Each structure stands twice: as structure tokens, then as C-alpha cells.
């Protein structure tokens, strides 16, 4: 993975290469942001540049043995750790990342490093409810691997993807290594939610916040007129994964389902249909975690668009079709008095879902809270 393979993030890529060129290499670094912004590819490109003997023009060469091995997730001094689990696991059975390395290489090859946690769980065939995790045994394995001398490169690198899935015991063991690191050993943690990591780990890492991609970075990935491409890029919200889904039409059915759920929530809220709102919450609770997150994300976008229409900024709205029709009709009920509270409720529900909260409880509270706010502008 070369920096030139990564979409956008030009300023951040220059910062990362400059830090290595000037010898400012922190032994523990944290890349935070959405998977679709390129957090994992940036961490891998950083490791590749760090160990490339033929760096040139702010990038690794891509052809030396070290670069080729890292590109194939096969470098003996670059270790990948990620949340794992499996169906039918026996009591006391240890499940480690190395067991699933072929699947990891497969999804890396297919996606270029741009994939979500849920897509990884689907690759592992975990079903709707089983979740992956980074266990204490995995932390022990990291320590064991790092106890050996490096095989061929100066730096030993550990890339921990979805670091927030470490359980507390694993996090504490990793913390001990971060406090007393081996020489020339680099930890690159990749996380979407840094607030879910131990504060002591955060205090010992140098955080790199990876921003969402710019609209200009995504427009070239779609087809159609300039306006259509910009509209699609804006709807992707700076997320390459979402943009790919939209271009390929894979997300059409899910977006339609999310839109229908949003419309029903707003209508039931407006009409004070509390019993029906409980049915709505039960229906959403049956969806997969990824579908629930998508529904909340779409709801946030539609609420913001409705607020812009309410504020008279329809000329910069990117809605069309049924979404435009509904939001135009509902815009009078989304204003200064409730927009911030509604978005806050969405963010709260998202946090709880990401923390594996009880979906029925989460969405029951969410639906009733939304209903209360919609009625403020009736």
C-alpha cells in the first residue's frame, strides 16, 4: 500500500511522510476516523514507507521485497491484529487473528483496505448477533511475536485495526507494552471511536485524526453529469465505502428501507402514535447492527437537509425525488428549537449501538425522544 494508492488526504499524507523523513517517529500512534476516510490504508502506507529502503518523492517504492510483502499482508515484521470470532466456538477455545489471515488478505485485496467492521464480520460469517473482539490471548500473542528479533526490517510494526474492540484485559496488556516499548517497535492503532479506548492508552499514543474525504476527491469515482456526480459525492458524506456502494447500486435497497423508516418515524411522531412508535422501535431492533447504523446516518442527513429547507437554503440542497418531496413537506417541523436536540439523540443512539446496547431499549427511547421534539413545532 503506497500513499499514492490512497484517495485524497494529500495534506495528511505529506505530514506522515515528513515526520518519518525528519526522524519524528512515535512508537505508538492512533489513526482515528471513518473506515471510508482511509484510516487503515494510511496506517499500512505509513508502515510500508517506514520500512522501505528506496523511498522516493514522498512515497515508498512499491517494488522492493519489503513493499511487496506488506502489500500482501505477508511481511514477517508487520503484524496485523483485528477483531475475530467464529460460529460454534467451544467454551475456552482461543480464537486469534492469525487463524483468519487468508480471509484478511482476501478482503484487503478486494477492497484496497476500505471496508467496514460489519463487512469484516460478514467475511467471518458471524451472523447478525455475534461480534468480533480482540482478546487478552491476542495481546499475549502480540507480546510473544515482538519478543523475537526483527527478521529483515529495522522496525517491527503492529497494526491493530478496530482497536476499540479490545476487551479491558487485552487493553491493559497492550498498555504495558506502550509504557515500556521495545526498541524500534511501532504500534499503529486504527479506531473509529477513540472515546471507547482506555484513557491511559490515549495518553500514550500520538493521535492522527483522519478527516472525511472532500467532495472533489469522490466525484471522479462516479458517472453522469457534473451535478449528478457532485450530488452523489455529497450524499456519500466523505466516505469512500459509501460512495462505492452508491456507484454500484448496492445501497439502493438499503437507502430505500432507511428512508421508509425515517418517514414513518416522523409521521408517527407528528401524530403522537406512541403505540405504533413502539412497534417501529421493535422493527428497527430486528435489523443488523450495520443496518441500524445506516438508518441513523440517513436520518441525520435527512434532518439536516430538512433544516436547510426550513432555513430557506433549498438552493444548496442535494435532495431529489421522494426524499425532496417528503423533506419539503416536513421542513416546517425541523427548526432552531429542535434540530440540535434531534441530532444529539441520533448521536446518542449511535454510540449505544456501537457499544452493543440493547437495540430494543435504545430505539424505544430514541423514537419517543424524537416524537417529543417533533411536537415542539406543531
Protein backbone atom coordinates (compact mmCIF):
# COMPACT_ATOMS: atom_id res chain seq x y z
CA UNK A 1 0.00 0.00 0.00
CA UNK A 2 1.61 3.22 -1.22
CA UNK A 3 0.40 6.67 -0.22
CA UNK A 4 -0.36 7.30 -3.89
CA UNK A 5 -2.88 4.44 -3.77
CA UNK A 6 -4.95 6.31 -1.18
CA UNK A 7 -7.79 8.59 -2.27
CA UNK A 8 -7.37 12.22 -1.18
CA UNK A 9 -5.84 13.14 2.21
CA UNK A 10 -2.92 14.91 0.49
CA UNK A 11 -2.04 17.19 3.40
CA UNK A 12 -2.17 14.34 5.90
CA UNK A 13 -0.01 12.10 3.70
CA UNK A 14 2.63 14.83 3.47
CA UNK A 15 2.57 15.23 7.24
CA UNK A 16 3.09 11.49 7.79
CA UNK A 17 5.97 11.16 5.34
CA UNK A 18 7.64 14.34 6.63
CA UNK A 19 7.53 13.02 10.19
CA UNK A 20 9.37 9.85 9.13
CA UNK A 21 11.87 11.75 6.97
CA UNK A 22 12.70 14.02 9.92
CA UNK A 23 13.00 11.13 12.36
CA UNK A 24 9.93 12.08 14.39
CA UNK A 25 8.57 8.56 14.74
CA UNK A 26 6.31 7.96 17.71
CA UNK A 27 6.36 4.38 19.00
CA UNK A 28 2.56 4.43 19.49
CA UNK A 29 0.23 6.15 17.05
CA UNK A 30 -3.54 6.21 16.74
CA UNK A 31 -5.38 6.78 13.45
CA UNK A 32 -8.99 7.76 14.13
CA UNK A 33 -11.83 8.33 11.68
CA UNK A 34 -14.34 6.56 9.47
CA UNK A 35 -13.18 3.45 7.66
CA UNK A 36 -14.23 5.08 4.40
CA UNK A 37 -11.89 8.01 5.02
CA UNK A 38 -8.85 5.72 4.71
CA UNK A 39 -7.67 5.12 8.27
CA UNK A 40 -6.44 1.56 7.65
CA UNK A 41 -4.80 2.30 4.25
CA UNK A 42 -2.98 5.26 5.80
CA UNK A 43 -1.64 3.10 8.63
CA UNK A 44 -0.46 0.43 6.19
CA UNK A 45 1.10 3.01 3.86
CA UNK A 46 2.88 4.52 6.87
CA UNK A 47 4.31 1.11 7.84
CA UNK A 48 5.37 0.49 4.24
CA UNK A 49 7.08 3.86 3.91
CA UNK A 50 8.77 3.36 7.27
CA UNK A 51 10.39 0.10 6.19
CA UNK A 52 11.00 0.86 2.51
CA UNK A 53 14.76 1.15 1.73
CA UNK A 54 14.08 3.02 -1.54
CA UNK A 55 11.79 5.90 -0.58
CA UNK A 56 11.37 8.47 -3.31
CA UNK A 57 9.26 11.59 -3.83
CA UNK A 58 7.39 11.19 -0.57
CA UNK A 59 6.35 7.58 -1.09
CA UNK A 60 7.59 4.02 -0.80
CA UNK A 61 8.92 2.40 -3.95
CA UNK A 62 6.27 -0.32 -4.09
CA UNK A 63 8.59 -2.83 -5.77
CA UNK A 64 11.17 -3.86 -3.17
CA UNK A 65 10.61 -7.11 -1.23
CA UNK A 66 9.51 -5.19 1.87
CA UNK A 67 6.86 -3.18 -0.01
CA UNK A 68 5.54 -6.22 -1.85
CA UNK A 69 5.28 -8.27 1.34
CA UNK A 70 3.43 -5.52 3.19
CA UNK A 71 1.08 -5.08 0.24
CA UNK A 72 0.24 -8.79 0.53
CA UNK A 73 -0.08 -8.70 4.35
CA UNK A 74 2.84 -11.12 4.44
CA UNK A 75 5.74 -9.12 5.90
CA UNK A 76 7.37 -11.01 8.80
CA UNK A 77 7.91 -7.79 10.77
CA UNK A 78 4.48 -6.22 10.18
CA UNK A 79 1.76 -7.86 12.25
CA UNK A 80 -1.98 -7.33 11.75
CA UNK A 81 -4.39 -7.65 14.66
CA UNK A 82 -8.16 -7.39 14.16
CA UNK A 83 -11.36 -8.44 15.95
CA UNK A 84 -12.24 -12.10 15.37
CA UNK A 85 -14.73 -14.71 16.48
CA UNK A 86 -16.44 -17.71 14.96
CA UNK A 87 -19.71 -19.56 15.00
CA UNK A 88 -19.84 -22.64 17.19
CA UNK A 89 -16.80 -21.69 19.27
CA UNK A 90 -16.30 -24.13 22.13
CA UNK A 91 -16.02 -22.98 25.73
CA UNK A 92 -12.44 -21.91 26.45
CA UNK A 93 -11.42 -22.09 22.80
CA UNK A 94 -8.86 -19.44 21.82
CA UNK A 95 -9.55 -17.56 18.59
CA UNK A 96 -6.66 -15.44 17.24
CA UNK A 97 -6.20 -13.15 14.26
CA UNK A 98 -3.60 -15.38 12.63
CA UNK A 99 -6.23 -18.09 12.11
CA UNK A 100 -8.11 -15.75 9.76
CA UNK A 101 -5.15 -14.27 7.87
CA UNK A 102 -6.26 -15.74 4.49
CA UNK A 103 -9.65 -14.00 4.87
CA UNK A 104 -7.87 -10.78 5.87
CA UNK A 105 -5.71 -10.91 2.75
CA UNK A 106 -8.80 -11.60 0.66
CA UNK A 107 -10.79 -8.61 1.92
CA UNK A 108 -7.72 -6.39 1.66
CA UNK A 109 -7.25 -7.42 -1.97
CA UNK A 110 -10.93 -6.87 -2.78
CA UNK A 111 -11.33 -3.50 -1.05
CA UNK A 112 -7.89 -1.90 -1.02
CA UNK A 113 -8.24 -1.52 2.74
CA UNK A 114 -11.57 0.34 2.61
CA UNK A 115 -14.08 -1.86 4.42
CA UNK A 116 -16.27 -1.63 7.49
CA UNK A 117 -16.24 -3.69 10.64
CA UNK A 118 -19.57 -5.23 9.60
CA UNK A 119 -18.17 -6.24 6.19
CA UNK A 120 -15.32 -7.96 8.02
CA UNK A 121 -17.78 -9.76 10.30
CA UNK A 122 -19.71 -10.90 7.22
CA UNK A 123 -16.46 -12.27 5.81
CA UNK A 124 -16.05 -14.18 9.08
CA UNK A 125 -19.68 -15.37 8.79
CA UNK A 126 -20.59 -14.19 12.29
CA UNK A 127 -24.30 -13.72 11.58
CA UNK A 128 -26.41 -10.83 12.89
CA UNK A 129 -25.64 -11.02 16.59
CA UNK A 130 -22.14 -12.46 17.07
CA UNK A 131 -19.45 -9.79 17.39
CA UNK A 132 -15.70 -9.93 16.96
CA UNK A 133 -13.23 -8.85 19.62
CA UNK A 134 -9.53 -8.54 20.40
CA UNK A 135 -8.93 -10.73 23.41
CA UNK A 136 -6.33 -10.92 26.15
CA UNK A 137 -4.91 -14.04 24.45
CA UNK A 138 -4.38 -11.92 21.33
CA UNK A 139 -2.42 -9.42 23.42
CA UNK A 140 -0.29 -12.29 24.74
CA UNK A 141 0.37 -13.36 21.15
CA UNK A 142 1.46 -9.83 20.25
CA UNK A 143 3.94 -9.84 23.13
CA UNK A 144 5.24 -13.24 22.05
CA UNK A 145 5.78 -12.13 18.45
CA UNK A 146 7.53 -8.92 19.45
CA UNK A 147 9.91 -10.77 21.75
CA UNK A 148 11.77 -12.08 18.69
CA UNK A 149 14.32 -10.07 16.76
CA UNK A 150 13.15 -8.45 13.54
CA UNK A 151 13.58 -10.70 10.51
CA UNK A 152 14.51 -8.29 7.75
CA UNK A 153 13.48 -4.70 8.54
CA UNK A 154 14.65 -2.15 11.07
CA UNK A 155 11.19 -1.64 12.52
CA UNK A 156 8.72 -4.15 13.87
CA UNK A 157 5.21 -2.81 13.33
CA UNK A 158 1.93 -3.91 14.90
CA UNK A 159 -1.23 -2.63 13.20
CA UNK A 160 -4.28 -3.05 15.45
CA UNK A 161 -7.42 -2.46 13.39
CA UNK A 162 -10.65 -1.60 15.24
CA UNK A 163 -8.60 -1.13 18.40
CA UNK A 164 -11.72 -0.15 20.35
CA UNK A 165 -12.85 -3.81 20.22
CA UNK A 166 -10.11 -4.80 22.68
CA UNK A 167 -11.62 -6.09 25.89
CA UNK A 168 -10.37 -4.49 29.10
CA UNK A 169 -7.86 -7.21 29.90
CA UNK A 170 -6.36 -7.04 26.41
CA UNK A 171 -6.21 -3.24 26.55
CA UNK A 172 -4.36 -3.31 29.86
CA UNK A 173 -1.80 -5.77 28.49
CA UNK A 174 -1.26 -3.59 25.42
CA UNK A 175 -0.91 -0.60 27.74
CA UNK A 176 2.04 -2.25 29.49
CA UNK A 177 3.85 -2.62 26.16
CA UNK A 178 3.12 1.00 25.26
CA UNK A 179 4.57 2.11 28.60
CA UNK A 180 7.79 0.09 28.11
CA UNK A 181 8.19 -0.43 24.35
CA UNK A 182 10.93 -2.45 22.75
CA UNK A 183 13.43 -0.55 20.64
CA UNK A 184 12.32 0.06 17.03
CA UNK A 185 8.85 -1.32 17.75
CA UNK A 186 5.94 0.72 16.39
CA UNK A 187 2.27 0.35 17.30
CA UNK A 188 -0.28 1.73 14.84
CA UNK A 189 -3.77 1.63 16.32
CA UNK A 190 -6.73 2.22 13.98
CA UNK A 191 -10.07 3.14 15.52
CA UNK A 192 -13.36 4.77 14.59
CA UNK A 193 -14.17 5.69 18.18
CA UNK A 194 -11.20 6.82 20.24
CA UNK A 195 -13.50 7.52 23.20
CA UNK A 196 -14.01 3.76 23.59
CA UNK A 197 -10.30 3.22 24.28
CA UNK A 198 -8.78 3.36 27.75
CA UNK A 199 -7.79 6.91 28.65
CA UNK A 200 -4.37 5.59 29.64
CA UNK A 201 -3.89 4.21 26.13
CA UNK A 202 -4.97 7.53 24.61
CA UNK A 203 -2.46 9.36 26.78
CA UNK A 204 0.37 7.20 25.43
CA UNK A 205 -0.46 7.44 21.75
CA UNK A 206 0.03 10.20 19.23
CA UNK A 207 -3.37 10.65 17.61
CA UNK A 208 -3.84 11.39 13.92
CA UNK A 209 -7.40 12.42 13.16
CA UNK A 210 -8.31 11.34 9.63
CA UNK A 211 -10.95 13.70 8.19
CA UNK A 212 -13.75 12.75 5.84
CA UNK A 213 -12.85 12.90 2.16
CA UNK A 214 -13.62 16.05 0.21
CA UNK A 215 -16.41 16.10 -2.36
CA UNK A 216 -13.77 16.73 -5.04
CA UNK A 217 -11.96 13.52 -4.08
CA UNK A 218 -15.09 11.43 -4.66
CA UNK A 219 -16.67 12.98 -7.77
CA UNK A 220 -14.20 11.28 -10.11
CA UNK A 221 -15.39 7.87 -8.89
CA UNK A 222 -18.91 8.21 -10.32
CA UNK A 223 -20.52 8.77 -13.70
CA UNK A 224 -23.05 11.20 -15.13
CA UNK A 225 -23.19 14.96 -15.29
CA UNK A 226 -21.12 17.19 -13.02
CA UNK A 227 -24.18 17.97 -10.90
CA UNK A 228 -25.10 14.28 -10.55
CA UNK A 229 -21.56 13.32 -9.58
CA UNK A 230 -21.29 16.12 -7.01
CA UNK A 231 -24.70 15.22 -5.59
CA UNK A 232 -23.69 11.60 -5.19
CA UNK A 233 -20.36 12.59 -3.64
CA UNK A 234 -22.12 14.85 -1.15
CA UNK A 235 -24.57 12.11 -0.21
CA UNK A 236 -21.60 9.82 0.45
CA UNK A 237 -20.58 12.25 3.23
CA UNK A 238 -16.85 11.92 2.63
CA UNK A 239 -16.97 8.12 2.84
CA UNK A 240 -15.35 6.14 0.02
CA UNK A 241 -17.09 2.93 1.08
CA UNK A 242 -20.50 4.59 0.86
CA UNK A 243 -19.56 6.16 -2.47
CA UNK A 244 -18.63 2.79 -3.93
CA UNK A 245 -21.94 1.32 -2.80
CA UNK A 246 -23.86 4.15 -4.42
CA UNK A 247 -21.94 3.91 -7.70
CA UNK A 248 -22.50 0.15 -7.85
CA UNK A 249 -26.14 0.48 -6.82
CA UNK A 250 -25.59 -1.86 -3.90
CA UNK A 251 -27.03 0.55 -1.36
CA UNK A 252 -30.25 1.41 -3.22
CA UNK A 253 -32.42 -1.11 -1.41
CA UNK A 254 -30.95 -0.23 1.99
CA UNK A 255 -31.36 3.51 1.37
CA UNK A 256 -34.98 2.98 0.39
CA UNK A 257 -35.57 0.98 3.57
CA UNK A 258 -33.87 3.65 5.69
CA UNK A 259 -35.93 6.37 4.01
CA UNK A 260 -39.18 4.47 4.66
CA UNK A 261 -38.27 4.00 8.32
CA UNK A 262 -37.39 7.69 8.65
CA UNK A 263 -40.67 8.82 7.06
CA UNK A 264 -42.69 6.50 9.28
CA UNK A 265 -40.87 7.73 12.38
CA UNK A 266 -41.57 11.37 11.52
CA UNK A 267 -45.24 10.75 10.71
CA UNK A 268 -45.87 8.69 13.83
CA UNK A 269 -44.08 11.32 15.90
CA UNK A 270 -46.15 14.13 14.42
CA UNK A 271 -49.40 12.26 15.10
CA UNK A 272 -48.45 11.15 18.64
CA UNK A 273 -48.88 7.46 17.74
CA UNK A 274 -46.93 6.16 20.74
CA UNK A 275 -48.00 2.52 20.49
CA UNK A 276 -47.07 2.48 16.81
CA UNK A 277 -43.74 4.08 17.71
CA UNK A 278 -43.04 1.10 19.98
CA UNK A 279 -43.76 -1.21 17.03
CA UNK A 280 -41.38 0.90 14.91
CA UNK A 281 -38.66 0.50 17.55
CA UNK A 282 -39.19 -3.28 17.65
CA UNK A 283 -38.88 -3.44 13.86
CA UNK A 284 -35.62 -1.48 13.82
CA UNK A 285 -34.28 -3.62 16.67
CA UNK A 286 -34.54 -6.68 14.40
CA UNK A 287 -32.15 -5.19 11.84
CA UNK A 288 -28.44 -5.95 11.85
CA UNK A 289 -26.13 -3.53 13.66
CA UNK A 290 -24.85 -2.19 10.34
CA UNK A 291 -28.40 -1.59 9.08
CA UNK A 292 -29.24 0.23 12.32
CA UNK A 293 -26.18 2.44 11.93
CA UNK A 294 -27.11 3.16 8.31
CA UNK A 295 -30.66 4.09 9.32
CA UNK A 296 -29.37 6.55 11.92
CA UNK A 297 -26.88 8.01 9.45
CA UNK A 298 -29.57 8.51 6.80
CA UNK A 299 -31.90 10.04 9.40
CA UNK A 300 -29.23 12.54 10.41
CA UNK A 301 -28.67 13.54 6.79
CA UNK A 302 -32.39 13.96 6.04
CA UNK A 303 -32.97 16.01 9.20
CA UNK A 304 -30.12 18.35 8.27
CA UNK A 305 -31.49 18.71 4.73
CA UNK A 306 -34.98 19.44 6.10
CA UNK A 307 -33.50 22.07 8.39
CA UNK A 308 -31.74 23.72 5.45
CA UNK A 309 -35.05 23.85 3.60
CA UNK A 310 -36.70 25.35 6.68
CA UNK A 311 -33.95 27.99 6.79
CA UNK A 312 -34.52 28.93 3.14
CA UNK A 313 -31.35 27.28 1.85
CA UNK A 314 -33.03 24.94 -0.60
CA UNK A 315 -30.77 26.13 -3.42
CA UNK A 316 -27.88 24.17 -1.93
CA UNK A 317 -29.92 21.09 -1.05
CA UNK A 318 -28.91 17.85 -2.73
CA UNK A 319 -32.26 16.09 -2.35
CA UNK A 320 -34.34 14.80 -5.21
CA UNK A 321 -37.29 12.50 -5.89
CA UNK A 322 -39.26 11.19 -2.94
CA UNK A 323 -36.68 12.45 -0.43
CA UNK A 324 -37.05 16.01 -1.71
CA UNK A 325 -40.84 15.79 -1.68
CA UNK A 326 -41.02 14.48 1.89
CA UNK A 327 -38.42 16.85 3.35
CA UNK A 328 -40.07 19.86 1.69
CA UNK A 329 -43.37 18.91 3.32
CA UNK A 330 -41.78 18.16 6.71
CA UNK A 331 -39.31 21.08 6.82
CA UNK A 332 -41.67 23.37 8.81
CA UNK A 333 -41.31 21.00 11.77
CA UNK A 334 -37.47 20.99 11.82
CA UNK A 335 -36.15 24.30 13.14
CA UNK A 336 -33.81 26.00 15.57
CA UNK A 337 -35.81 24.75 18.54
CA UNK A 338 -35.26 21.06 17.87
CA UNK A 339 -32.58 20.33 15.24
CA UNK A 340 -29.66 20.20 17.67
CA UNK A 341 -31.57 18.01 20.11
CA UNK A 342 -32.68 15.64 17.34
CA UNK A 343 -29.12 15.25 16.02
CA UNK A 344 -27.92 14.72 19.60
CA UNK A 345 -30.47 11.91 20.04
CA UNK A 346 -29.21 10.26 16.86
CA UNK A 347 -25.59 10.51 18.01
CA UNK A 348 -26.54 9.08 21.41
CA UNK A 349 -28.35 6.13 19.79
CA UNK A 350 -25.36 5.55 17.51
CA UNK A 351 -22.97 5.43 20.46
CA UNK A 352 -25.15 2.93 22.30
CA UNK A 353 -25.49 0.70 19.23
CA UNK A 354 -21.73 0.80 18.69
CA UNK A 355 -21.34 -0.29 22.31
CA UNK A 356 -23.71 -3.24 21.72
CA UNK A 357 -26.52 -1.74 23.78
CA UNK A 358 -29.90 -3.47 23.83
CA UNK A 359 -31.36 -2.38 20.49
CA UNK A 360 -34.99 -2.58 21.62
CA UNK A 361 -34.33 -0.30 24.59
CA UNK A 362 -32.16 2.07 22.54
CA UNK A 363 -34.68 2.57 19.75
CA UNK A 364 -37.69 2.74 22.04
CA UNK A 365 -36.09 5.65 23.87
CA UNK A 366 -34.96 7.17 20.57
CA UNK A 367 -38.43 7.02 18.98
CA UNK A 368 -40.16 8.57 21.97
CA UNK A 369 -37.49 11.29 22.27
CA UNK A 370 -37.89 12.17 18.59
CA UNK A 371 -41.68 12.29 18.98
CA UNK A 372 -41.36 14.80 21.81
CA UNK A 373 -39.15 17.10 19.71
CA UNK A 374 -41.27 16.97 16.55
CA UNK A 375 -44.26 18.10 18.59
CA UNK A 376 -42.39 21.23 19.70
CA UNK A 377 -43.02 22.88 16.33
CA UNK A 378 -46.60 21.71 15.74
